[in-house]
Amino acid sequence: MDGDPAQVVQGVQETVTAARRGGVPSEELLGALAALRSVREQLAGWEPELIAAARADGASWAVLAPALGLASRQAAERRFLRLRPSVTGEATGEARVDAERDRRAGDRAVADWARRNAAVLRQLAGQVSALNDLDAAGRASADRLGAALGEDDVTSLLPPLAAVRDHLERDHAGLADQLGDIGDKTARLRRDAAGHRRGHST
């Protein structure tokens, strides 16, 4: 049921008041219940939007917790993860919580590996960004990689390294294979980190 939630709630309240006096037809009561459910669903959809906006504006989970009626920052974050729509297909709130924690565990494992192998990653990025025989799309991808070379965090190289790989397969198969190996390695690290986390949480 669409409409202004305030008006819908006012209509439901009028039905409740009338029901207290008695004599309200069941059809009207059922309609009020359906309207109340619709408003509840709409309000529930607003909550993760407001939380995300507050987070984007710099609010910490510790600050958000009391506004949500929760006792800890962990509980506030868990509530958000359970409520927000899934972008990766998880069917339940708990599955979304698990997926987010898996992603973070994977990010930490990949970042740790990348920092230990910073010299190799930077050398590869330098080789690729220096190529002068790429087509326009490949050149644009290599330029993005070159820009990432200027950043302090070596993990920023990983996305552009993965993106440029397809542009190297025809004329630079060796480099493409090395980038493919890096992609395989980071994928294994993510799977292993998620498995390790789940093993310790059971």
N, C-alpha and C. Protein backbone atom coordinates (compact mmCIF):
# COMPACT_ATOMS: atom_id res chain seq x y z
N MET A 1 0.85 -1.19 0.00
CA MET A 1 0.00 0.00 0.00
C MET A 1 0.88 1.23 0.00
N ASP A 2 0.75 2.10 -1.03
CA ASP A 2 1.55 3.30 -1.13
C ASP A 2 0.83 4.46 -0.47
N GLY A 3 1.52 5.60 -0.35
CA GLY A 3 0.92 6.78 0.22
C GLY A 3 1.80 7.37 1.29
N ASP A 4 1.41 8.56 1.72
CA ASP A 4 2.15 9.26 2.76
C ASP A 4 2.04 8.46 4.06
N PRO A 5 3.18 8.02 4.63
CA PRO A 5 3.11 7.21 5.85
C PRO A 5 2.37 7.92 6.98
N ALA A 6 2.53 9.24 7.08
CA ALA A 6 1.86 9.97 8.16
C ALA A 6 0.34 9.86 8.01
N GLN A 7 -0.14 9.97 6.79
CA GLN A 7 -1.58 9.87 6.56
C GLN A 7 -2.08 8.46 6.81
N VAL A 8 -1.27 7.48 6.38
CA VAL A 8 -1.66 6.09 6.60
C VAL A 8 -1.73 5.79 8.09
N VAL A 9 -0.73 6.25 8.84
CA VAL A 9 -0.72 6.01 10.29
C VAL A 9 -1.92 6.70 10.95
N GLN A 10 -2.25 7.90 10.48
CA GLN A 10 -3.41 8.59 11.05
C GLN A 10 -4.69 7.79 10.81
N GLY A 11 -4.82 7.23 9.59
CA GLY A 11 -5.98 6.41 9.30
C GLY A 11 -6.04 5.17 10.17
N VAL A 12 -4.87 4.53 10.39
CA VAL A 12 -4.82 3.35 11.25
C VAL A 12 -5.19 3.73 12.68
N GLN A 13 -4.69 4.88 13.13
CA GLN A 13 -5.00 5.32 14.49
C GLN A 13 -6.49 5.56 14.66
N GLU A 14 -7.12 6.13 13.65
CA GLU A 14 -8.57 6.37 13.71
C GLU A 14 -9.32 5.04 13.79
N THR A 15 -8.83 4.04 13.05
CA THR A 15 -9.47 2.73 13.10
C THR A 15 -9.30 2.09 14.48
N VAL A 16 -8.11 2.24 15.06
CA VAL A 16 -7.86 1.70 16.40
C VAL A 16 -8.79 2.36 17.42
N THR A 17 -8.91 3.69 17.32
CA THR A 17 -9.79 4.41 18.25
C THR A 17 -11.23 3.93 18.11
N ALA A 18 -11.66 3.75 16.87
CA ALA A 18 -13.02 3.27 16.64
C ALA A 18 -13.20 1.85 17.14
N ALA A 19 -12.14 1.02 16.95
CA ALA A 19 -12.24 -0.38 17.39
C ALA A 19 -12.37 -0.48 18.91
N ARG A 20 -11.78 0.46 19.63
CA ARG A 20 -11.88 0.45 21.09
C ARG A 20 -13.31 0.69 21.55
N ARG A 21 -14.06 1.41 20.71
CA ARG A 21 -15.47 1.66 21.03
C ARG A 21 -16.34 0.50 20.58
N GLY A 22 -15.79 -0.34 19.67
CA GLY A 22 -16.53 -1.50 19.18
C GLY A 22 -17.34 -1.17 17.94
N GLY A 23 -17.68 -2.23 17.22
CA GLY A 23 -18.55 -2.08 16.07
C GLY A 23 -17.86 -1.79 14.75
N VAL A 24 -16.54 -1.94 14.68
CA VAL A 24 -15.83 -1.72 13.41
C VAL A 24 -15.87 -3.01 12.60
N PRO A 25 -16.30 -2.95 11.34
CA PRO A 25 -16.36 -4.16 10.51
C PRO A 25 -14.98 -4.80 10.35
N SER A 26 -14.96 -6.12 10.25
CA SER A 26 -13.69 -6.83 10.15
C SER A 26 -12.91 -6.43 8.90
N GLU A 27 -13.64 -6.09 7.81
CA GLU A 27 -12.95 -5.68 6.59
C GLU A 27 -12.12 -4.42 6.83
N GLU A 28 -12.66 -3.50 7.62
CA GLU A 28 -11.93 -2.27 7.93
C GLU A 28 -10.72 -2.57 8.83
N LEU A 29 -10.89 -3.48 9.77
CA LEU A 29 -9.79 -3.85 10.65
C LEU A 29 -8.67 -4.53 9.86
N LEU A 30 -9.04 -5.41 8.93
CA LEU A 30 -8.04 -6.08 8.11
C LEU A 30 -7.31 -5.08 7.22
N GLY A 31 -8.05 -4.10 6.71
CA GLY A 31 -7.42 -3.07 5.90
C GLY A 31 -6.43 -2.25 6.70
N ALA A 32 -6.78 -1.95 7.96
CA ALA A 32 -5.86 -1.20 8.82
C ALA A 32 -4.62 -2.02 9.13
N LEU A 33 -4.79 -3.31 9.35
CA LEU A 33 -3.62 -4.17 9.60
C LEU A 33 -2.68 -4.21 8.40
N ALA A 34 -3.26 -4.32 7.20
CA ALA A 34 -2.44 -4.34 5.99
C ALA A 34 -1.71 -3.00 5.81
N ALA A 35 -2.42 -1.90 6.10
CA ALA A 35 -1.79 -0.59 6.00
C ALA A 35 -0.65 -0.44 7.01
N LEU A 36 -0.88 -0.95 8.22
CA LEU A 36 0.15 -0.87 9.25
C LEU A 36 1.40 -1.66 8.85
N ARG A 37 1.17 -2.84 8.26
CA ARG A 37 2.31 -3.64 7.80
C ARG A 37 3.09 -2.90 6.72
N SER A 38 2.38 -2.25 5.81
CA SER A 38 3.02 -1.53 4.73
C SER A 38 3.90 -0.39 5.27
N VAL A 39 3.36 0.35 6.24
CA VAL A 39 4.13 1.44 6.84
C VAL A 39 5.34 0.90 7.58
N ARG A 40 5.16 -0.20 8.29
CA ARG A 40 6.27 -0.80 9.03
C ARG A 40 7.41 -1.18 8.07
N GLU A 41 7.06 -1.76 6.93
CA GLU A 41 8.07 -2.15 5.95
C GLU A 41 8.76 -0.93 5.36
N GLN A 42 7.97 0.12 5.12
CA GLN A 42 8.57 1.33 4.55
C GLN A 42 9.54 1.97 5.55
N LEU A 43 9.13 2.06 6.81
CA LEU A 43 10.00 2.64 7.82
C LEU A 43 11.26 1.80 8.01
N ALA A 44 11.12 0.48 7.95
CA ALA A 44 12.28 -0.40 8.10
C ALA A 44 13.28 -0.16 6.97
N GLY A 45 12.78 0.16 5.78
CA GLY A 45 13.66 0.43 4.65
C GLY A 45 14.42 1.74 4.81
N TRP A 46 13.84 2.66 5.58
CA TRP A 46 14.53 3.94 5.78
C TRP A 46 15.73 3.79 6.72
N GLU A 47 15.64 2.86 7.67
CA GLU A 47 16.67 2.78 8.69
C GLU A 47 18.08 2.56 8.12
N PRO A 48 18.30 1.55 7.25
CA PRO A 48 19.66 1.39 6.72
C PRO A 48 20.10 2.57 5.87
N GLU A 49 19.16 3.26 5.21
CA GLU A 49 19.53 4.45 4.44
C GLU A 49 20.05 5.55 5.36
N LEU A 50 19.36 5.75 6.48
CA LEU A 50 19.78 6.79 7.42
C LEU A 50 21.12 6.43 8.08
N ILE A 51 21.29 5.14 8.39
CA ILE A 51 22.56 4.71 8.99
C ILE A 51 23.70 4.94 8.00
N ALA A 52 23.49 4.53 6.74
CA ALA A 52 24.54 4.71 5.72
C ALA A 52 24.87 6.18 5.53
N ALA A 53 23.84 7.04 5.54
CA ALA A 53 24.09 8.47 5.38
C ALA A 53 24.87 9.03 6.57
N ALA A 54 24.52 8.57 7.78
CA ALA A 54 25.24 9.03 8.96
C ALA A 54 26.69 8.57 8.94
N ARG A 55 26.91 7.34 8.50
CA ARG A 55 28.28 6.83 8.39
C ARG A 55 29.07 7.63 7.36
N ALA A 56 28.43 7.93 6.22
CA ALA A 56 29.10 8.70 5.18
C ALA A 56 29.46 10.10 5.67
N ASP A 57 28.68 10.61 6.63
CA ASP A 57 28.94 11.93 7.18
C ASP A 57 29.93 11.89 8.34
N GLY A 58 30.43 10.67 8.65
CA GLY A 58 31.48 10.56 9.66
C GLY A 58 31.05 10.03 11.02
N ALA A 59 29.76 9.68 11.18
CA ALA A 59 29.31 9.16 12.47
C ALA A 59 29.90 7.77 12.72
N SER A 60 30.42 7.56 13.91
CA SER A 60 31.00 6.26 14.26
C SER A 60 29.90 5.31 14.69
N TRP A 61 30.23 4.01 14.69
CA TRP A 61 29.27 3.02 15.18
C TRP A 61 28.96 3.25 16.65
N ALA A 62 29.95 3.72 17.41
CA ALA A 62 29.73 3.98 18.84
C ALA A 62 28.70 5.09 19.04
N VAL A 63 28.71 6.10 18.17
CA VAL A 63 27.74 7.19 18.25
C VAL A 63 26.37 6.72 17.78
N LEU A 64 26.34 5.88 16.76
CA LEU A 64 25.07 5.40 16.21
C LEU A 64 24.35 4.45 17.16
N ALA A 65 25.11 3.68 17.95
CA ALA A 65 24.50 2.64 18.78
C ALA A 65 23.36 3.17 19.66
N PRO A 66 23.56 4.23 20.46
CA PRO A 66 22.44 4.68 21.31
C PRO A 66 21.25 5.20 20.52
N ALA A 67 21.51 5.81 19.36
CA ALA A 67 20.40 6.28 18.52
C ALA A 67 19.53 5.12 18.05
N LEU A 68 20.15 3.93 17.92
CA LEU A 68 19.43 2.73 17.49
C LEU A 68 18.90 1.93 18.67
N GLY A 69 19.16 2.41 19.89
CA GLY A 69 18.72 1.68 21.07
C GLY A 69 19.56 0.46 21.35
N LEU A 70 20.83 0.50 20.95
CA LEU A 70 21.72 -0.66 21.11
C LEU A 70 22.87 -0.30 22.05
N ALA A 71 23.47 -1.34 22.61
CA ALA A 71 24.44 -1.12 23.69
C ALA A 71 25.88 -1.01 23.21
N SER A 72 26.18 -1.41 21.98
CA SER A 72 27.57 -1.42 21.55
C SER A 72 27.69 -1.09 20.08
N ARG A 73 28.89 -0.67 19.70
CA ARG A 73 29.14 -0.39 18.28
C ARG A 73 29.03 -1.65 17.45
N GLN A 74 29.44 -2.81 18.03
CA GLN A 74 29.33 -4.07 17.29
C GLN A 74 27.88 -4.39 16.97
N ALA A 75 27.00 -4.16 17.96
CA ALA A 75 25.58 -4.44 17.74
C ALA A 75 25.00 -3.49 16.69
N ALA A 76 25.45 -2.24 16.69
CA ALA A 76 24.95 -1.27 15.70
C ALA A 76 25.36 -1.68 14.29
N GLU A 77 26.62 -2.06 14.12
CA GLU A 77 27.09 -2.48 12.80
C GLU A 77 26.38 -3.75 12.35
N ARG A 78 26.19 -4.68 13.28
CA ARG A 78 25.51 -5.94 12.93
C ARG A 78 24.07 -5.66 12.48
N ARG A 79 23.41 -4.74 13.17
CA ARG A 79 22.04 -4.41 12.77
C ARG A 79 22.01 -3.84 11.36
N PHE A 80 22.95 -2.96 11.06
CA PHE A 80 23.00 -2.37 9.72
C PHE A 80 23.22 -3.44 8.66
N LEU A 81 24.15 -4.35 8.92
CA LEU A 81 24.45 -5.40 7.95
C LEU A 81 23.25 -6.31 7.74
N ARG A 82 22.47 -6.53 8.79
CA ARG A 82 21.30 -7.40 8.66
C ARG A 82 20.17 -6.71 7.90
N LEU A 83 20.09 -5.37 8.01
CA LEU A 83 18.97 -4.65 7.43
C LEU A 83 19.20 -4.23 5.98
N ARG A 84 20.43 -3.92 5.63
CA ARG A 84 20.65 -3.34 4.31
C ARG A 84 20.42 -4.39 3.22
N PRO A 85 19.92 -3.95 2.06
CA PRO A 85 19.71 -4.88 0.95
C PRO A 85 21.02 -5.51 0.51
N SER A 86 20.97 -6.77 0.12
CA SER A 86 22.17 -7.46 -0.32
C SER A 86 22.50 -7.09 -1.76
N VAL A 87 23.79 -6.88 -2.01
CA VAL A 87 24.23 -6.64 -3.39
C VAL A 87 24.88 -7.89 -3.97
N THR A 88 25.01 -8.92 -3.15
CA THR A 88 25.67 -10.15 -3.62
C THR A 88 24.79 -11.37 -3.47
N GLY A 89 23.49 -11.17 -3.20
CA GLY A 89 22.54 -12.27 -3.28
C GLY A 89 22.24 -13.02 -2.00
N GLU A 90 22.78 -12.58 -0.84
CA GLU A 90 22.48 -13.29 0.40
C GLU A 90 21.00 -13.12 0.73
N ALA A 91 20.38 -14.23 1.14
CA ALA A 91 18.93 -14.23 1.34
C ALA A 91 18.51 -13.74 2.72
N THR A 92 19.38 -13.82 3.71
CA THR A 92 19.00 -13.47 5.07
C THR A 92 19.96 -12.44 5.65
N GLY A 93 19.51 -11.79 6.73
CA GLY A 93 20.36 -10.83 7.40
C GLY A 93 21.63 -11.45 7.94
N GLU A 94 21.52 -12.63 8.53
CA GLU A 94 22.70 -13.29 9.08
C GLU A 94 23.69 -13.64 7.97
N ALA A 95 23.16 -14.02 6.81
CA ALA A 95 24.04 -14.33 5.68
C ALA A 95 24.79 -13.07 5.22
N ARG A 96 24.12 -11.91 5.28
CA ARG A 96 24.79 -10.66 4.92
C ARG A 96 25.88 -10.32 5.92
N VAL A 97 25.62 -10.56 7.20
CA VAL A 97 26.64 -10.33 8.22
C VAL A 97 27.86 -11.21 7.95
N ASP A 98 27.61 -12.50 7.69
CA ASP A 98 28.71 -13.42 7.40
C ASP A 98 29.48 -13.01 6.16
N ALA A 99 28.75 -12.60 5.11
CA ALA A 99 29.41 -12.21 3.86
C ALA A 99 30.30 -10.99 4.07
N GLU A 100 29.83 -10.02 4.84
CA GLU A 100 30.63 -8.82 5.10
C GLU A 100 31.87 -9.17 5.92
N ARG A 101 31.73 -10.03 6.89
CA ARG A 101 32.88 -10.42 7.70
C ARG A 101 33.87 -11.25 6.88
N ASP A 102 33.35 -12.08 5.99
CA ASP A 102 34.25 -12.82 5.09
C ASP A 102 35.03 -11.84 4.21
N ARG A 103 34.33 -10.83 3.70
CA ARG A 103 34.98 -9.86 2.82
C ARG A 103 36.10 -9.12 3.56
N ARG A 104 35.82 -8.74 4.79
CA ARG A 104 36.83 -8.01 5.57
C ARG A 104 38.02 -8.90 5.90
N ALA A 105 37.73 -10.14 6.25
CA ALA A 105 38.84 -11.07 6.52
C ALA A 105 39.68 -11.25 5.27
N GLY A 106 39.03 -11.37 4.12
CA GLY A 106 39.76 -11.49 2.86
C GLY A 106 40.56 -10.25 2.54
N ASP A 107 39.98 -9.08 2.78
CA ASP A 107 40.70 -7.82 2.53
C ASP A 107 41.96 -7.75 3.39
N ARG A 108 41.85 -8.15 4.65
CA ARG A 108 43.02 -8.10 5.54
C ARG A 108 44.11 -9.05 5.07
N ALA A 109 43.70 -10.26 4.66
CA ALA A 109 44.68 -11.25 4.20
C ALA A 109 45.38 -10.78 2.93
N VAL A 110 44.62 -10.23 2.00
CA VAL A 110 45.20 -9.75 0.74
C VAL A 110 46.11 -8.55 0.99
N ALA A 111 45.67 -7.64 1.86
CA ALA A 111 46.50 -6.46 2.15
C ALA A 111 47.82 -6.88 2.79
N ASP A 112 47.77 -7.83 3.70
CA ASP A 112 48.99 -8.30 4.36
C ASP A 112 49.95 -8.92 3.34
N TRP A 113 49.40 -9.75 2.44
CA TRP A 113 50.23 -10.38 1.41
C TRP A 113 50.82 -9.32 0.46
N ALA A 114 49.99 -8.34 0.08
CA ALA A 114 50.46 -7.31 -0.85
C ALA A 114 51.60 -6.50 -0.24
N ARG A 115 51.50 -6.20 1.03
CA ARG A 115 52.56 -5.41 1.66
C ARG A 115 53.86 -6.20 1.79
N ARG A 116 53.72 -7.51 1.98
CA ARG A 116 54.93 -8.34 2.04
C ARG A 116 55.57 -8.48 0.67
N ASN A 117 54.77 -8.31 -0.38
CA ASN A 117 55.26 -8.47 -1.75
C ASN A 117 55.21 -7.15 -2.52
N ALA A 118 55.38 -6.07 -1.78
CA ALA A 118 55.26 -4.74 -2.40
C ALA A 118 56.25 -4.53 -3.53
N ALA A 119 57.48 -4.99 -3.36
CA ALA A 119 58.50 -4.75 -4.39
C ALA A 119 58.12 -5.42 -5.70
N VAL A 120 57.64 -6.66 -5.61
CA VAL A 120 57.25 -7.40 -6.81
C VAL A 120 56.07 -6.71 -7.50
N LEU A 121 55.07 -6.31 -6.71
CA LEU A 121 53.89 -5.66 -7.29
C LEU A 121 54.25 -4.34 -7.94
N ARG A 122 55.09 -3.57 -7.29
CA ARG A 122 55.47 -2.28 -7.87
C ARG A 122 56.31 -2.45 -9.14
N GLN A 123 57.17 -3.48 -9.14
CA GLN A 123 57.97 -3.75 -10.34
C GLN A 123 57.08 -4.12 -11.51
N LEU A 124 56.11 -5.01 -11.28
CA LEU A 124 55.19 -5.40 -12.35
C LEU A 124 54.39 -4.21 -12.83
N ALA A 125 53.89 -3.42 -11.89
CA ALA A 125 53.11 -2.24 -12.28
C ALA A 125 53.94 -1.28 -13.11
N GLY A 126 55.21 -1.13 -12.75
CA GLY A 126 56.08 -0.26 -13.52
C GLY A 126 56.31 -0.78 -14.92
N GLN A 127 56.50 -2.09 -15.06
CA GLN A 127 56.69 -2.69 -16.38
C GLN A 127 55.47 -2.47 -17.26
N VAL A 128 54.29 -2.73 -16.70
CA VAL A 128 53.07 -2.61 -17.49
C VAL A 128 52.81 -1.16 -17.87
N SER A 129 52.95 -0.25 -16.92
CA SER A 129 52.64 1.14 -17.22
C SER A 129 53.62 1.74 -18.22
N ALA A 130 54.81 1.12 -18.38
CA ALA A 130 55.81 1.64 -19.32
C ALA A 130 55.62 1.10 -20.74
N LEU A 131 54.73 0.14 -20.94
CA LEU A 131 54.51 -0.42 -22.28
C LEU A 131 54.03 0.67 -23.23
N ASN A 132 54.54 0.65 -24.45
CA ASN A 132 54.18 1.70 -25.40
C ASN A 132 53.48 1.17 -26.64
N ASP A 133 53.05 -0.09 -26.61
CA ASP A 133 52.40 -0.66 -27.80
C ASP A 133 50.97 -1.12 -27.51
N LEU A 134 50.35 -0.56 -26.49
CA LEU A 134 48.98 -0.94 -26.15
C LEU A 134 47.99 -0.14 -26.98
N ASP A 135 46.80 -0.72 -27.20
CA ASP A 135 45.75 0.04 -27.89
C ASP A 135 45.19 1.08 -26.92
N ALA A 136 44.21 1.85 -27.40
CA ALA A 136 43.71 2.98 -26.61
C ALA A 136 43.14 2.52 -25.27
N ALA A 137 42.36 1.44 -25.29
CA ALA A 137 41.77 0.96 -24.05
C ALA A 137 42.85 0.44 -23.10
N GLY A 138 43.82 -0.28 -23.67
CA GLY A 138 44.91 -0.79 -22.86
C GLY A 138 45.76 0.33 -22.30
N ARG A 139 45.97 1.37 -23.10
CA ARG A 139 46.77 2.51 -22.62
C ARG A 139 46.07 3.21 -21.46
N ALA A 140 44.75 3.37 -21.58
CA ALA A 140 43.99 4.01 -20.50
C ALA A 140 44.07 3.18 -19.23
N SER A 141 43.98 1.85 -19.37
CA SER A 141 44.07 0.97 -18.21
C SER A 141 45.47 1.03 -17.59
N ALA A 142 46.49 1.05 -18.44
CA ALA A 142 47.86 1.14 -17.93
C ALA A 142 48.13 2.49 -17.26
N ASP A 143 47.51 3.55 -17.78
CA ASP A 143 47.67 4.86 -17.15
C ASP A 143 47.06 4.88 -15.76
N ARG A 144 45.92 4.20 -15.60
CA ARG A 144 45.32 4.13 -14.27
C ARG A 144 46.24 3.37 -13.31
N LEU A 145 46.90 2.34 -13.84
CA LEU A 145 47.86 1.60 -13.04
C LEU A 145 49.05 2.48 -12.67
N GLY A 146 49.53 3.26 -13.62
CA GLY A 146 50.63 4.16 -13.34
C GLY A 146 50.28 5.18 -12.27
N ALA A 147 49.04 5.67 -12.31
CA ALA A 147 48.61 6.63 -11.29
C ALA A 147 48.60 5.98 -9.91
N ALA A 148 48.16 4.69 -9.85
CA ALA A 148 48.12 3.98 -8.57
C ALA A 148 49.52 3.76 -8.01
N LEU A 149 50.52 3.71 -8.89
CA LEU A 149 51.91 3.55 -8.44
C LEU A 149 52.36 4.71 -7.54
N GLY A 150 51.74 5.84 -7.70
CA GLY A 150 52.11 6.99 -6.91
C GLY A 150 51.51 7.00 -5.51
N GLU A 151 50.62 6.04 -5.22
CA GLU A 151 49.98 6.00 -3.91
C GLU A 151 50.84 5.22 -2.92
N ASP A 152 50.71 5.56 -1.66
CA ASP A 152 51.53 4.92 -0.63
C ASP A 152 51.12 3.47 -0.37
N ASP A 153 49.82 3.20 -0.41
CA ASP A 153 49.32 1.86 -0.09
C ASP A 153 49.42 0.96 -1.32
N VAL A 154 50.24 -0.08 -1.22
CA VAL A 154 50.47 -0.96 -2.37
C VAL A 154 49.20 -1.72 -2.77
N THR A 155 48.26 -1.87 -1.85
CA THR A 155 47.03 -2.60 -2.20
C THR A 155 46.24 -1.86 -3.28
N SER A 156 46.49 -0.56 -3.46
CA SER A 156 45.78 0.18 -4.51
C SER A 156 46.20 -0.27 -5.90
N LEU A 157 47.30 -1.02 -6.00
CA LEU A 157 47.74 -1.53 -7.30
C LEU A 157 46.92 -2.73 -7.76
N LEU A 158 46.33 -3.45 -6.83
CA LEU A 158 45.70 -4.72 -7.19
C LEU A 158 44.53 -4.57 -8.17
N PRO A 159 43.57 -3.67 -7.95
CA PRO A 159 42.48 -3.55 -8.93
C PRO A 159 42.95 -3.17 -10.34
N PRO A 160 43.82 -2.14 -10.50
CA PRO A 160 44.25 -1.82 -11.86
C PRO A 160 45.14 -2.91 -12.48
N LEU A 161 45.90 -3.65 -11.67
CA LEU A 161 46.66 -4.78 -12.22
C LEU A 161 45.71 -5.83 -12.80
N ALA A 162 44.64 -6.11 -12.06
CA ALA A 162 43.66 -7.09 -12.56
C ALA A 162 42.96 -6.57 -13.81
N ALA A 163 42.66 -5.27 -13.84
CA ALA A 163 41.91 -4.71 -14.96
C ALA A 163 42.73 -4.68 -16.24
N VAL A 164 44.05 -4.49 -16.13
CA VAL A 164 44.88 -4.35 -17.33
C VAL A 164 45.23 -5.70 -17.94
N ARG A 165 45.04 -6.78 -17.22
CA ARG A 165 45.50 -8.10 -17.67
C ARG A 165 44.94 -8.46 -19.06
N ASP A 166 43.66 -8.24 -19.27
CA ASP A 166 43.05 -8.63 -20.55
C ASP A 166 43.67 -7.92 -21.74
N HIS A 167 44.26 -6.75 -21.51
CA HIS A 167 44.86 -5.98 -22.60
C HIS A 167 46.27 -6.46 -22.94
N LEU A 168 46.78 -7.42 -22.15
CA LEU A 168 48.16 -7.87 -22.35
C LEU A 168 48.25 -9.25 -22.99
N GLU A 169 47.14 -9.96 -23.04
CA GLU A 169 47.20 -11.38 -23.39
C GLU A 169 47.72 -11.62 -24.81
N ARG A 170 47.45 -10.72 -25.73
CA ARG A 170 47.85 -10.96 -27.12
C ARG A 170 49.34 -10.73 -27.34
N ASP A 171 49.86 -9.59 -26.87
CA ASP A 171 51.24 -9.22 -27.18
C ASP A 171 52.21 -9.35 -26.01
N HIS A 172 51.67 -9.55 -24.82
CA HIS A 172 52.52 -9.63 -23.63
C HIS A 172 52.03 -10.76 -22.72
N ALA A 173 52.05 -11.96 -23.29
CA ALA A 173 51.48 -13.12 -22.59
C ALA A 173 52.18 -13.40 -21.27
N GLY A 174 53.48 -13.18 -21.22
CA GLY A 174 54.21 -13.44 -19.98
C GLY A 174 53.74 -12.55 -18.84
N LEU A 175 53.61 -11.28 -19.13
CA LEU A 175 53.10 -10.35 -18.11
C LEU A 175 51.66 -10.69 -17.73
N ALA A 176 50.86 -11.05 -18.73
CA ALA A 176 49.47 -11.41 -18.47
C ALA A 176 49.41 -12.63 -17.54
N ASP A 177 50.29 -13.59 -17.77
CA ASP A 177 50.31 -14.78 -16.91
C ASP A 177 50.70 -14.41 -15.47
N GLN A 178 51.65 -13.52 -15.32
CA GLN A 178 52.06 -13.11 -13.97
C GLN A 178 50.91 -12.41 -13.25
N LEU A 179 50.18 -11.57 -13.97
CA LEU A 179 49.04 -10.90 -13.36
C LEU A 179 47.93 -11.89 -13.06
N GLY A 180 47.78 -12.90 -13.92
CA GLY A 180 46.80 -13.95 -13.64
C GLY A 180 47.15 -14.71 -12.38
N ASP A 181 48.44 -14.98 -12.19
CA ASP A 181 48.88 -15.68 -10.97
C ASP A 181 48.56 -14.85 -9.72
N ILE A 182 48.73 -13.53 -9.83
CA ILE A 182 48.41 -12.66 -8.70
C ILE A 182 46.92 -12.71 -8.40
N GLY A 183 46.11 -12.69 -9.45
CA GLY A 183 44.67 -12.78 -9.26
C GLY A 183 44.27 -14.09 -8.60
N ASP A 184 44.88 -15.19 -9.05
CA ASP A 184 44.59 -16.50 -8.44
C ASP A 184 45.01 -16.52 -6.98
N LYS A 185 46.17 -15.93 -6.70
CA LYS A 185 46.68 -15.91 -5.32
C LYS A 185 45.75 -15.13 -4.41
N THR A 186 45.33 -13.96 -4.82
CA THR A 186 44.46 -13.15 -3.96
C THR A 186 43.10 -13.81 -3.78
N ALA A 187 42.61 -14.49 -4.83
CA ALA A 187 41.33 -15.20 -4.69
C ALA A 187 41.45 -16.33 -3.66
N ARG A 188 42.59 -17.07 -3.69
CA ARG A 188 42.81 -18.14 -2.70
C ARG A 188 42.93 -17.56 -1.30
N LEU A 189 43.62 -16.44 -1.17
CA LEU A 189 43.76 -15.81 0.14
C LEU A 189 42.39 -15.44 0.71
N ARG A 190 41.52 -14.92 -0.13
CA ARG A 190 40.18 -14.54 0.33
C ARG A 190 39.39 -15.78 0.76
N ARG A 191 39.44 -16.84 -0.04
CA ARG A 191 38.71 -18.06 0.32
C ARG A 191 39.26 -18.65 1.63
N ASP A 192 40.58 -18.70 1.75
CA ASP A 192 41.19 -19.27 2.95
C ASP A 192 40.87 -18.43 4.19
N ALA A 193 40.90 -17.12 4.04
CA ALA A 193 40.61 -16.25 5.18
C ALA A 193 39.17 -16.42 5.63
N ALA A 194 38.25 -16.52 4.67
CA ALA A 194 36.84 -16.73 5.03
C ALA A 194 36.66 -18.08 5.72
N GLY A 195 37.29 -19.11 5.19
CA GLY A 195 37.19 -20.43 5.80
C GLY A 195 37.77 -20.46 7.20
N HIS A 196 38.90 -19.78 7.38
CA HIS A 196 39.53 -19.72 8.70
C HIS A 196 38.64 -18.98 9.69
N ARG A 197 38.04 -17.86 9.24
CA ARG A 197 37.17 -17.10 10.12
C ARG A 197 35.97 -17.92 10.54
N ARG A 198 35.35 -18.59 9.57
CA ARG A 198 34.16 -19.40 9.90
C ARG A 198 34.52 -20.58 10.80
N GLY A 199 35.73 -21.14 10.60
CA GLY A 199 36.15 -22.24 11.45
C GLY A 199 36.31 -21.83 12.88
N HIS A 200 36.77 -20.58 13.09
CA HIS A 200 36.98 -20.09 14.45
C HIS A 200 35.70 -19.57 15.08
N SER A 201 34.67 -19.33 14.24
CA SER A 201 33.42 -18.79 14.79
C SER A 201 32.43 -19.87 15.16
N THR A 202 32.75 -21.14 14.82
CA THR A 202 31.83 -22.24 15.12
C THR A 202 32.21 -22.89 16.45
